[in-house]
Protein backbone atom coordinates (compact mmCIF):
# COMPACT_ATOMS: atom_id res chain seq x y z
CA MET A 1 31.17 -25.17 15.30
CA SER A 2 27.73 -24.95 16.81
CA GLU A 3 26.46 -27.48 19.24
CA LYS A 4 23.63 -28.44 16.82
CA LEU A 5 26.06 -29.08 13.96
CA ASN A 6 28.11 -31.31 16.39
CA GLN A 7 24.99 -33.24 17.34
CA LEU A 8 24.00 -33.71 13.64
CA LYS A 9 27.58 -34.96 12.79
CA GLU A 10 27.45 -37.41 15.64
CA ILE A 11 24.21 -38.92 14.45
CA LEU A 12 25.38 -38.95 10.85
CA GLY A 13 28.57 -40.70 11.98
CA GLU A 14 26.55 -43.49 13.65
CA ILE A 15 24.51 -43.98 10.48
CA ALA A 16 27.59 -44.12 8.44
CA ASP A 17 29.10 -46.68 10.79
CA LEU A 18 25.97 -48.88 10.32
CA HIS A 19 26.23 -48.67 6.48
CA TYR A 20 29.88 -49.45 6.59
CA ALA A 21 29.12 -52.59 8.72
CA VAL A 22 26.51 -53.62 6.14
CA ALA A 23 29.19 -53.07 3.35
CA VAL A 24 31.51 -55.43 5.37
CA LEU A 25 28.84 -58.11 5.46
CA ASP A 26 28.12 -57.59 1.63
CA TRP A 27 31.82 -57.90 0.87
CA ASP A 28 32.16 -61.01 2.90
CA GLN A 29 29.10 -62.57 1.19
CA GLN A 30 30.73 -62.20 -2.15
CA VAL A 31 34.27 -63.12 -1.11
CA ASN A 32 34.23 -65.59 1.81
CA MET A 33 30.79 -66.64 2.96
CA PRO A 34 29.76 -70.38 2.61
CA SER A 35 26.84 -71.03 0.26
CA GLN A 36 24.48 -71.87 3.11
CA GLY A 37 25.04 -68.54 4.97
CA GLY A 38 22.60 -66.59 2.82
CA ASP A 39 19.49 -66.55 4.98
CA ALA A 40 21.32 -65.59 8.13
CA ARG A 41 23.29 -62.92 6.32
CA GLY A 42 19.96 -61.52 4.92
CA GLN A 43 18.69 -61.10 8.36
CA GLN A 44 21.82 -59.47 9.67
CA VAL A 45 21.84 -56.94 6.80
CA SER A 46 18.18 -56.43 7.31
CA THR A 47 18.56 -55.56 10.96
CA LEU A 48 21.39 -53.14 10.50
CA THR A 49 19.83 -51.42 7.52
CA LYS A 50 16.56 -51.05 9.36
CA ILE A 51 18.36 -49.37 12.40
CA ALA A 52 20.31 -47.09 10.10
CA HIS A 53 17.18 -46.02 8.25
CA GLN A 54 15.31 -45.41 11.61
CA LYS A 55 18.16 -43.22 12.73
CA ALA A 56 18.45 -41.48 9.44
CA THR A 57 14.71 -40.58 9.42
CA SER A 58 14.35 -39.65 13.08
CA ASP A 59 12.62 -36.38 14.09
CA GLU A 60 15.82 -35.37 15.82
CA VAL A 61 17.75 -35.36 12.45
CA GLY A 62 14.96 -33.52 10.76
CA HIS A 63 14.88 -30.74 13.45
CA LEU A 64 18.64 -30.34 13.50
CA ILE A 65 18.72 -30.03 9.66
CA GLN A 66 15.84 -27.46 9.69
CA ASP A 67 17.49 -25.39 12.51
CA LEU A 68 20.91 -25.40 10.83
CA LYS A 69 19.57 -24.16 7.46
CA SER A 70 19.36 -20.63 8.83
CA GLU A 71 22.63 -20.89 10.60
CA LEU A 72 24.87 -22.18 7.70
CA THR A 73 24.73 -19.46 5.07
CA GLU A 74 28.11 -19.76 3.46
CA SER A 75 27.13 -21.80 0.51
CA ASP A 76 30.57 -23.14 -0.52
CA SER A 77 31.74 -24.24 2.90
CA ASP A 78 32.17 -27.90 3.66
CA ASP A 79 29.60 -27.69 6.48
CA ALA A 80 27.07 -26.02 4.14
CA ALA A 81 27.62 -28.84 1.66
CA LEU A 82 27.29 -31.44 4.34
CA LEU A 83 23.95 -29.88 5.38
CA ARG A 84 22.75 -29.80 1.72
CA VAL A 85 23.57 -33.50 1.15
CA ALA A 86 22.18 -34.49 4.52
CA SER A 87 19.06 -32.61 3.85
CA ARG A 88 18.66 -34.29 0.42
CA ASN A 89 19.22 -37.78 1.92
CA TYR A 90 16.77 -37.04 4.70
CA ASP A 91 14.12 -35.93 2.30
CA LYS A 92 14.49 -39.17 0.25
CA ALA A 93 14.79 -41.44 3.25
CA THR A 94 11.77 -40.21 5.04
CA ARG A 95 9.65 -41.19 2.12
CA VAL A 96 10.67 -44.86 2.46
CA PRO A 97 9.33 -46.94 5.35
CA SER A 98 11.85 -48.76 7.50
CA SER A 99 9.87 -51.93 6.94
CA PHE A 100 10.48 -51.68 3.22
CA VAL A 101 14.24 -51.18 3.75
CA ALA A 102 14.40 -54.30 5.88
CA GLU A 103 12.36 -56.37 3.44
CA GLN A 104 14.56 -55.19 0.55
CA ALA A 105 17.69 -56.22 2.39
CA ILE A 106 16.40 -59.78 2.85
CA ILE A 107 15.18 -60.20 -0.63
CA THR A 108 18.37 -58.71 -2.07
CA THR A 109 20.60 -61.11 -0.20
CA LYS A 110 18.54 -64.17 -1.44
CA ALA A 111 18.53 -62.72 -5.03
CA PHE A 112 22.32 -62.50 -5.11
CA GLU A 113 22.64 -66.18 -3.94
CA ALA A 114 20.12 -67.21 -6.65
CA TRP A 115 21.97 -65.25 -9.27
CA VAL A 116 25.27 -66.89 -8.46
CA GLU A 117 23.58 -70.35 -8.87
CA ALA A 118 21.72 -69.31 -11.92
CA LYS A 119 24.83 -68.04 -13.55
CA GLU A 120 26.87 -71.06 -12.71
CA LYS A 121 24.08 -73.29 -14.26
CA SER A 122 23.24 -70.81 -17.09
CA ASP A 123 19.61 -71.11 -16.08
CA PHE A 124 17.66 -67.93 -15.94
CA SER A 125 14.48 -69.65 -14.38
CA ILE A 126 16.49 -69.97 -11.12
CA PHE A 127 16.89 -66.21 -10.88
CA GLN A 128 13.54 -65.19 -12.46
CA PRO A 129 11.23 -65.26 -9.33
CA HIS A 130 13.88 -63.33 -7.40
CA LEU A 131 14.23 -60.71 -10.05
CA GLU A 132 10.39 -60.40 -10.24
CA LYS A 133 10.43 -59.63 -6.49
CA MET A 134 13.23 -57.09 -6.99
CA LEU A 135 11.26 -55.40 -9.73
CA GLY A 136 8.18 -55.30 -7.61
CA LEU A 137 10.20 -53.62 -4.82
CA THR A 138 11.61 -51.17 -7.34
CA GLN A 139 8.17 -50.13 -8.52
CA LYS A 140 7.05 -49.83 -4.94
CA TYR A 141 10.06 -47.65 -4.17
CA ILE A 142 9.10 -45.36 -7.09
CA SER A 143 5.59 -45.14 -5.64
CA PHE A 144 7.03 -43.45 -2.45
CA PHE A 145 7.94 -40.36 -4.34
CA PRO A 146 5.98 -37.62 -6.08
CA PRO A 147 5.41 -38.36 -9.80
CA ALA A 148 8.48 -37.40 -11.94
CA ASP A 149 8.70 -36.56 -15.66
CA HIS A 150 9.48 -40.32 -16.00
CA PRO A 151 9.37 -42.91 -13.31
CA TYR A 152 12.88 -44.01 -14.05
CA ASP A 153 14.05 -40.46 -13.02
CA ILE A 154 13.52 -41.55 -9.40
CA LEU A 155 15.90 -44.46 -9.68
CA LEU A 156 18.45 -42.55 -11.78
CA ASP A 157 18.55 -39.79 -9.19
CA ASP A 158 19.78 -42.21 -6.51
CA TYR A 159 23.06 -42.71 -8.56
CA GLU A 160 23.32 -39.52 -10.66
CA PRO A 161 21.79 -36.75 -8.54
CA GLY A 162 19.84 -34.30 -10.64
CA MET A 163 20.10 -36.18 -13.92
CA LYS A 164 16.89 -36.88 -15.89
CA THR A 165 16.10 -39.93 -18.05
CA ALA A 166 15.35 -37.42 -20.92
CA GLU A 167 18.94 -36.01 -20.61
CA VAL A 168 20.42 -39.44 -20.73
CA ARG A 169 18.36 -40.44 -23.74
CA GLU A 170 19.41 -37.30 -25.51
CA ILE A 171 23.12 -37.85 -24.84
CA PHE A 172 22.78 -41.49 -25.90
CA ASP A 173 20.78 -40.62 -29.04
CA ASN A 174 23.55 -38.21 -30.02
CA LEU A 175 26.38 -40.71 -29.25
CA ARG A 176 24.77 -43.86 -30.75
CA PRO A 177 24.95 -43.05 -34.49
CA GLN A 178 28.45 -41.74 -34.26
CA GLN A 179 29.59 -44.96 -32.48
CA VAL A 180 27.69 -47.14 -35.01
CA GLU A 181 29.41 -45.20 -37.87
CA LEU A 182 32.88 -45.72 -36.38
CA ILE A 183 32.13 -49.45 -35.81
CA LYS A 184 31.05 -49.83 -39.45
CA ALA A 185 34.32 -48.17 -40.60
CA ILE A 186 36.40 -50.52 -38.39
CA THR A 187 34.46 -53.56 -39.72
CA SER A 188 35.50 -52.74 -43.20
CA ALA A 189 39.21 -52.51 -42.23
CA LYS A 190 41.73 -55.23 -41.82
CA GLN A 191 41.25 -56.96 -38.45
CA VAL A 192 44.03 -57.07 -35.89
CA LYS A 193 45.35 -60.40 -34.52
CA ASP A 194 44.86 -61.13 -30.89
CA ASP A 195 45.29 -64.90 -30.62
CA PHE A 196 48.23 -64.58 -28.22
CA LEU A 197 45.91 -62.95 -25.59
CA HIS A 198 43.90 -66.09 -25.44
CA LYS A 199 46.66 -68.64 -24.73
CA LYS A 200 46.97 -70.37 -21.37
CA TYR A 201 48.32 -67.92 -18.81
CA ASP A 202 49.15 -68.97 -15.23
CA GLU A 203 46.47 -67.45 -13.01
CA ASN A 204 48.64 -66.67 -10.00
CA LYS A 205 51.21 -64.86 -12.16
CA VAL A 206 48.42 -62.80 -13.87
CA TRP A 207 46.99 -61.87 -10.44
CA LYS A 208 50.41 -60.83 -9.13
CA PHE A 209 51.10 -58.70 -12.13
CA SER A 210 47.74 -56.93 -11.75
CA GLU A 211 48.81 -55.89 -8.32
CA VAL A 212 52.15 -54.67 -9.57
CA ILE A 213 50.31 -52.35 -11.95
CA ILE A 214 47.79 -50.88 -9.59
CA LYS A 215 50.42 -50.42 -6.93
CA LYS A 216 52.45 -48.49 -9.45
CA PHE A 217 49.24 -46.46 -10.26
CA GLY A 218 49.04 -45.44 -6.55
CA TYR A 219 46.48 -47.78 -5.18
CA ASP A 220 47.41 -48.02 -1.53
CA PHE A 221 47.53 -51.62 -0.38
CA ASN A 222 48.02 -50.34 3.24
CA ARG A 223 44.41 -49.08 2.91
CA GLY A 224 43.02 -51.66 0.56
CA ARG A 225 43.25 -55.23 -0.80
CA GLN A 226 42.26 -57.28 -3.76
CA ASP A 227 40.18 -60.48 -3.39
CA LYS A 228 38.31 -62.87 -5.72
CA ALA A 229 34.58 -62.58 -6.37
CA PRO A 230 32.06 -63.71 -9.03
CA HIS A 231 31.85 -60.15 -10.38
CA PRO A 232 34.56 -57.53 -9.85
CA PHE A 233 33.60 -54.56 -7.62
CA GLN A 234 34.96 -51.99 -5.20
CA THR A 235 33.64 -51.21 -1.78
CA THR A 236 34.45 -48.82 0.96
CA PHE A 237 34.45 -49.35 4.78
CA SER A 238 36.60 -46.16 5.44
CA VAL A 239 38.86 -43.78 3.63
CA ASN A 240 41.55 -46.10 5.10
CA ASP A 241 39.83 -49.37 3.99
CA THR A 242 38.75 -49.38 0.42
CA ARG A 243 38.78 -52.78 -1.14
CA ILE A 244 38.50 -54.30 -4.62
CA THR A 245 37.71 -57.67 -6.07
CA ASN A 246 38.58 -59.32 -9.28
CA ARG A 247 38.16 -62.65 -11.19
CA PHE A 248 40.16 -64.79 -13.63
CA GLU A 249 38.72 -66.13 -16.86
CA ASP A 250 40.54 -69.05 -18.50
CA ASP A 251 39.46 -67.96 -21.97
CA ASN A 252 40.36 -64.32 -21.45
CA PRO A 253 43.18 -64.39 -18.90
CA LEU A 254 44.55 -60.89 -19.27
CA ALA A 255 41.18 -59.40 -18.62
CA THR A 256 42.17 -59.70 -14.96
CA LEU A 257 44.80 -56.96 -15.48
CA PHE A 258 42.15 -54.55 -16.90
CA SER A 259 39.56 -55.40 -14.23
CA ALA A 260 42.24 -54.57 -11.60
CA MET A 261 42.99 -51.23 -13.23
CA HIS A 262 39.20 -50.55 -13.45
CA GLU A 263 38.48 -51.36 -9.78
CA SER A 264 41.63 -49.65 -8.58
CA GLY A 265 40.31 -46.48 -10.20
CA HIS A 266 37.27 -46.65 -7.99
CA GLY A 267 39.50 -47.44 -5.04
CA MET A 268 41.92 -44.55 -5.52
CA TYR A 269 38.95 -42.15 -5.77
CA GLU A 270 37.68 -43.37 -2.44
CA GLN A 271 41.19 -43.28 -0.89
CA GLY A 272 41.69 -39.63 -2.19
CA CYS A 273 38.56 -38.31 -0.43
CA ASN A 274 39.16 -35.58 2.25
CA PRO A 275 39.79 -37.48 5.46
CA GLU A 276 37.74 -34.88 7.33
CA PHE A 277 34.64 -36.08 5.44
CA GLU A 278 34.92 -39.55 7.13
CA ARG A 279 31.62 -40.66 8.75
CA THR A 280 29.70 -37.91 6.96
CA PRO A 281 27.48 -37.82 3.82
CA LEU A 282 30.26 -36.04 2.00
CA ALA A 283 32.49 -39.16 2.11
CA GLY A 284 33.09 -41.07 -1.15
CA GLY A 285 32.46 -40.35 -4.83
CA THR A 286 29.89 -37.80 -5.75
CA SER A 287 28.10 -39.95 -8.29
CA LEU A 288 28.30 -43.18 -10.21
CA ALA A 289 29.28 -41.42 -13.54
CA ILE A 290 32.18 -39.54 -11.83
CA HIS A 291 33.17 -42.79 -10.20
CA GLU A 292 33.08 -44.60 -13.52
CA SER A 293 35.09 -41.70 -15.14
CA GLN A 294 37.88 -42.65 -12.80
CA SER A 295 37.75 -46.47 -13.28
CA ARG A 296 37.34 -46.21 -17.01
CA MET A 297 40.25 -43.70 -17.25
CA TRP A 298 42.70 -45.89 -15.55
CA GLU A 299 41.50 -48.96 -17.35
CA ASN A 300 41.36 -47.51 -20.87
CA LEU A 301 42.90 -44.11 -21.36
CA VAL A 302 45.85 -45.22 -19.34
CA GLY A 303 45.86 -48.96 -19.34
CA ARG A 304 45.05 -49.47 -23.03
CA SER A 305 47.44 -46.73 -24.23
CA LEU A 306 50.60 -47.31 -26.30
CA PRO A 307 52.88 -45.44 -23.80
CA PHE A 308 51.63 -47.58 -20.94
CA TRP A 309 52.62 -50.84 -22.63
CA GLU A 310 55.91 -49.43 -23.81
CA TYR A 311 56.69 -49.53 -20.12
CA PHE A 312 54.87 -52.60 -18.86
CA LEU A 313 55.08 -55.08 -21.80
CA PRO A 314 58.83 -55.90 -21.30
CA GLN A 315 57.91 -56.82 -17.65
CA LEU A 316 54.87 -58.87 -18.77
CA LYS A 317 57.11 -60.80 -21.27
CA LYS A 318 59.43 -61.80 -18.44
CA SER A 319 56.41 -63.43 -16.69
CA PHE A 320 55.06 -64.96 -19.90
CA PRO A 321 57.95 -65.43 -22.35
CA SER A 322 56.48 -68.25 -24.36
CA GLN A 323 52.97 -66.65 -24.73
CA LEU A 324 54.38 -63.25 -25.83
CA ASP A 325 57.45 -64.39 -27.77
CA GLY A 326 57.96 -62.17 -30.80
CA ILE A 327 55.12 -59.82 -29.92
CA SER A 328 55.92 -56.18 -30.51
CA VAL A 329 54.53 -53.34 -28.42
CA LYS A 330 52.52 -52.13 -31.45
CA SER A 331 51.05 -55.62 -31.97
CA PHE A 332 50.08 -55.90 -28.33
CA TYR A 333 48.61 -52.47 -28.21
CA LYS A 334 46.44 -53.20 -31.25
CA ALA A 335 45.41 -56.62 -29.84
CA ILE A 336 44.16 -55.24 -26.46
CA ASN A 337 42.21 -52.63 -28.39
CA LYS A 338 40.64 -54.92 -31.01
CA VAL A 339 37.22 -53.93 -31.92
CA GLU A 340 34.84 -56.91 -32.10
CA PRO A 341 31.27 -57.26 -30.89
CA SER A 342 31.41 -59.31 -27.71
CA LEU A 343 28.94 -61.00 -25.32
CA ILE A 344 30.31 -59.73 -22.04
CA ARG A 345 30.06 -55.98 -21.23
CA VAL A 346 33.03 -55.84 -18.80
CA ASN A 347 35.24 -57.28 -21.54
CA ALA A 348 33.89 -55.17 -24.42
CA ASP A 349 36.14 -52.91 -26.37
CA GLU A 350 35.72 -49.21 -26.06
CA ALA A 351 34.05 -48.83 -29.41
CA THR A 352 31.18 -51.17 -28.61
CA TYR A 353 31.06 -50.87 -24.83
CA ASN A 354 28.40 -48.17 -24.73
CA LEU A 355 26.09 -50.23 -26.81
CA HIS A 356 25.92 -52.81 -24.06
CA VAL A 357 24.99 -50.07 -21.66
CA MET A 358 22.28 -48.57 -23.97
CA LEU A 359 20.78 -52.05 -24.32
CA ARG A 360 20.44 -52.51 -20.50
CA LEU A 361 19.00 -48.98 -20.10
CA GLU A 362 16.27 -49.89 -22.61
CA LEU A 363 15.45 -53.03 -20.73
CA GLU A 364 15.35 -51.34 -17.37
CA ILE A 365 13.10 -48.55 -18.61
CA GLY A 366 10.80 -51.19 -20.20
CA MET A 367 10.68 -53.13 -17.03
CA VAL A 368 9.87 -50.00 -14.96
CA GLU A 369 7.20 -48.91 -17.46
CA GLY A 370 5.63 -52.38 -17.33
CA LYS A 371 6.22 -53.04 -21.01
CA ILE A 372 8.79 -55.80 -20.46
CA ALA A 373 8.00 -58.83 -18.21
CA VAL A 374 10.88 -60.43 -16.34
CA LYS A 375 10.10 -63.80 -17.85
CA ASP A 376 10.67 -62.46 -21.36
CA LEU A 377 14.12 -60.94 -20.55
CA PRO A 378 16.35 -63.69 -21.99
CA GLU A 379 14.49 -63.58 -25.34
CA ILE A 380 14.40 -59.76 -25.49
CA TRP A 381 18.03 -59.64 -24.34
CA ASN A 382 19.15 -61.95 -27.24
CA GLU A 383 17.13 -59.91 -29.75
CA LYS A 384 18.71 -56.66 -28.62
CA MET A 385 22.23 -58.18 -28.75
CA LYS A 386 21.51 -59.28 -32.30
CA GLU A 387 20.15 -55.83 -33.30
CA TYR A 388 22.85 -53.80 -31.48
CA LEU A 389 25.98 -55.98 -31.86
CA GLY A 390 25.12 -58.55 -34.42
CA ILE A 391 25.77 -61.50 -32.14
CA LEU A 392 23.64 -64.00 -30.29
CA PRO A 393 24.48 -65.22 -26.76
CA PRO A 394 24.73 -69.04 -26.72
CA ASN A 395 23.39 -69.22 -23.22
CA ASP A 396 22.00 -67.17 -20.28
CA ALA A 397 25.29 -67.02 -18.39
CA GLN A 398 26.88 -65.08 -21.28
CA GLY A 399 23.61 -63.16 -21.88
CA VAL A 400 21.00 -61.83 -19.44
CA LEU A 401 22.74 -63.24 -16.37
CA GLN A 402 26.20 -61.79 -16.91
CA ASP A 403 25.98 -58.86 -14.51
CA VAL A 404 25.38 -58.81 -10.77
CA HIS A 405 23.60 -55.51 -10.60
CA TRP A 406 19.93 -56.58 -10.77
CA SER A 407 20.40 -59.21 -8.08
CA SER A 408 21.75 -56.34 -5.82
CA GLY A 409 18.73 -54.12 -6.50
CA LEU A 410 20.76 -51.73 -8.50
CA MET A 411 18.23 -50.62 -11.10
CA GLY A 412 18.84 -47.13 -12.43
CA TYR A 413 22.51 -47.64 -12.42
CA PHE A 414 23.68 -48.75 -15.96
CA SER A 415 23.64 -45.44 -17.78
CA THR A 416 26.34 -44.17 -15.46
CA TYR A 417 28.88 -46.52 -17.19
CA ALA A 418 28.44 -44.74 -20.43
CA LEU A 419 28.25 -41.32 -18.85
CA GLY A 420 31.55 -42.18 -16.98
CA ASN A 421 33.21 -42.95 -20.38
CA MET A 422 32.27 -39.44 -21.56
CA VAL A 423 33.46 -37.78 -18.42
CA SER A 424 36.71 -39.54 -18.55
CA ALA A 425 37.54 -38.25 -22.03
CA GLN A 426 36.43 -34.70 -20.99
CA LEU A 427 38.83 -34.87 -18.03
CA TRP A 428 41.52 -36.43 -20.13
CA GLU A 429 41.63 -33.46 -22.57
CA LYS A 430 41.99 -31.09 -19.55
CA ILE A 431 44.62 -33.30 -17.91
CA ASN A 432 46.72 -33.39 -21.08
CA ALA A 433 46.54 -29.59 -21.36
CA ASP A 434 47.63 -29.23 -17.82
CA ILE A 435 50.37 -31.98 -17.97
CA PRO A 436 51.67 -31.70 -21.49
CA ASP A 437 54.29 -34.41 -21.08
CA LEU A 438 51.75 -36.99 -19.63
CA ASP A 439 52.49 -39.56 -22.35
CA GLU A 440 56.19 -39.34 -21.59
CA GLN A 441 55.58 -39.79 -17.86
CA ILE A 442 53.36 -42.85 -18.51
CA ARG A 443 56.07 -44.24 -20.86
CA LYS A 444 58.36 -44.16 -17.98
CA GLY A 445 55.86 -45.76 -15.53
CA LYS A 446 55.26 -42.56 -13.63
CA PHE A 447 51.71 -41.83 -12.42
CA ASP A 448 52.22 -39.42 -9.61
CA ALA A 449 51.33 -36.31 -11.54
CA LEU A 450 48.19 -37.82 -12.99
CA LEU A 451 46.96 -39.21 -9.70
CA GLY A 452 47.89 -35.84 -7.96
CA TRP A 453 45.83 -33.98 -10.63
CA LEU A 454 42.77 -36.19 -10.01
CA ARG A 455 43.21 -35.99 -6.24
CA GLY A 456 43.23 -32.15 -6.28
CA LYS A 457 40.47 -31.69 -8.88
CA ILE A 458 38.06 -34.58 -8.22
CA HIS A 459 38.81 -36.99 -5.33
CA VAL A 460 39.36 -34.61 -2.48
CA PHE A 461 35.93 -33.02 -2.77
CA GLY A 462 34.01 -36.35 -2.19
CA GLN A 463 30.34 -35.50 -2.46
CA LYS A 464 30.72 -31.79 -1.81
CA TYR A 465 29.66 -30.93 -5.36
CA GLU A 466 27.05 -32.54 -7.54
CA PRO A 467 28.32 -34.36 -10.64
CA GLN A 468 27.34 -31.80 -13.26
CA VAL A 469 28.92 -29.07 -11.11
CA ILE A 470 32.22 -30.76 -10.60
CA VAL A 471 32.55 -31.54 -14.38
CA GLN A 472 31.74 -27.88 -15.23
CA ARG A 473 34.26 -26.67 -12.60
CA VAL A 474 37.05 -28.79 -14.06
CA THR A 475 36.37 -28.79 -17.78
CA GLY A 476 34.21 -25.79 -18.41
CA SER A 477 31.18 -27.70 -19.67
CA LYS A 478 28.62 -30.28 -18.39
CA ILE A 479 28.68 -33.93 -19.33
CA ASP A 480 28.91 -34.11 -23.14
CA SER A 481 29.83 -36.86 -25.68
CA ALA A 482 32.01 -34.73 -28.02
CA ALA A 483 35.44 -35.43 -26.28
CA TYR A 484 34.68 -39.08 -26.09
CA VAL A 485 33.89 -39.19 -29.75
CA ARG A 486 37.13 -37.32 -30.57
CA TYR A 487 39.05 -39.77 -28.40
CA LEU A 488 37.51 -42.91 -30.03
CA THR A 489 37.88 -41.58 -33.56
CA LYS A 490 41.59 -40.62 -33.19
CA LYS A 491 42.50 -43.84 -31.33
CA TYR A 492 40.77 -46.29 -33.75
CA SER A 493 41.72 -44.36 -36.87
CA ASP A 494 45.36 -44.90 -35.86
CA ILE A 495 44.86 -48.54 -34.98
CA TYR A 496 42.82 -49.51 -38.02
CA GLY A 497 44.13 -46.95 -40.61
CA LEU A 498 40.86 -45.31 -41.11
């Protein structure tokens, strides 16, 4: 290894350390921090973020990257991939002033605290001025970059490298009518019963059972943990410290199980990254869509499958004998897959979930284009919910305030949820071809082969390959909705007798 490559890796390692330190502070803010700690936390995050950005945009880093481009010619090597990702990150970072990064950190921290209060009080007006500032920063961020085909492309590229807004719209435009047709067919069928899912369940027992499940999956609690937060999320401080959070809802108690499955999917992806990528730009998942493919796979294709509950339902009944008395595996399976338009995205069934994502994408694009004002969001949100799902949120907490992302400055993010659904189905078809007895293994509570396949085909590569490249390598095609439509159609045709 050349001296210059060593120098670059050392600087990149220091930058990674600073970002991980910020991640620790962010995690603590959502899990432990007292409500009055927000201002100081914003300053702390601002200072560390500014130092990291200054290091990342230094002339020394730029010169090392430039010099190494002629030295690293083996295009598929880990070092060549590191240089490619580092160069891309440097090009983007140098367009953004450090002062902007510091300002964004402070405003974001305050916005999160305002969102928590606004959601608790179901009052959008508390969050509105903070979101207006966040939107102003987003539009300012876009201005730092050369004009794109669409201004939203610049935001999307941060989460899904190389993907264009036009591509996402085309995929969604192809998927939407097929999902709407399926939902209409389900609506005309006899509805399944799920009242037993909404009885009173002991929170502590549900929480413990969620950890039994994800430990069985392969989430390593020696390198992770599960804590409570207002909105479930996963965060990484190291390949050996990848944490998840969860929440409990009195009116939907078993949602905790599926949130744990979802977040553990993210966590296992991070835990499976090549340890040699630690403290480099190659560490972690390659994109949000690929990350979501992992979380949605464990939550839905595994966790909402019949074989899964043939194994786990007898154990769940031991914890909740009165709530689940007389409930068969088939009845439980149908209940957890009930299709019914719902207010909350994270609790939405698979048939309607993507419509929630499409709604948010439209709102984000409208805000970026200047066609939607922040003050009008609650009204427009409610109109779109009525149009897309036929239901009207009774309040802001169950409507426009339900997700944490805008308070964290994560605009450009939402389409990756639906893209992740599609990738999960594409991967699932390939996995079942490679592991023909997968259903039988799941029926016995065995997940080693599945996790091993994901580790070898996806996790270990970290950010070495761009998302479309890794999907193509594994499945033979780029991100496409066909496999997902096949999956939904077969599943719900069986459940609803279509």
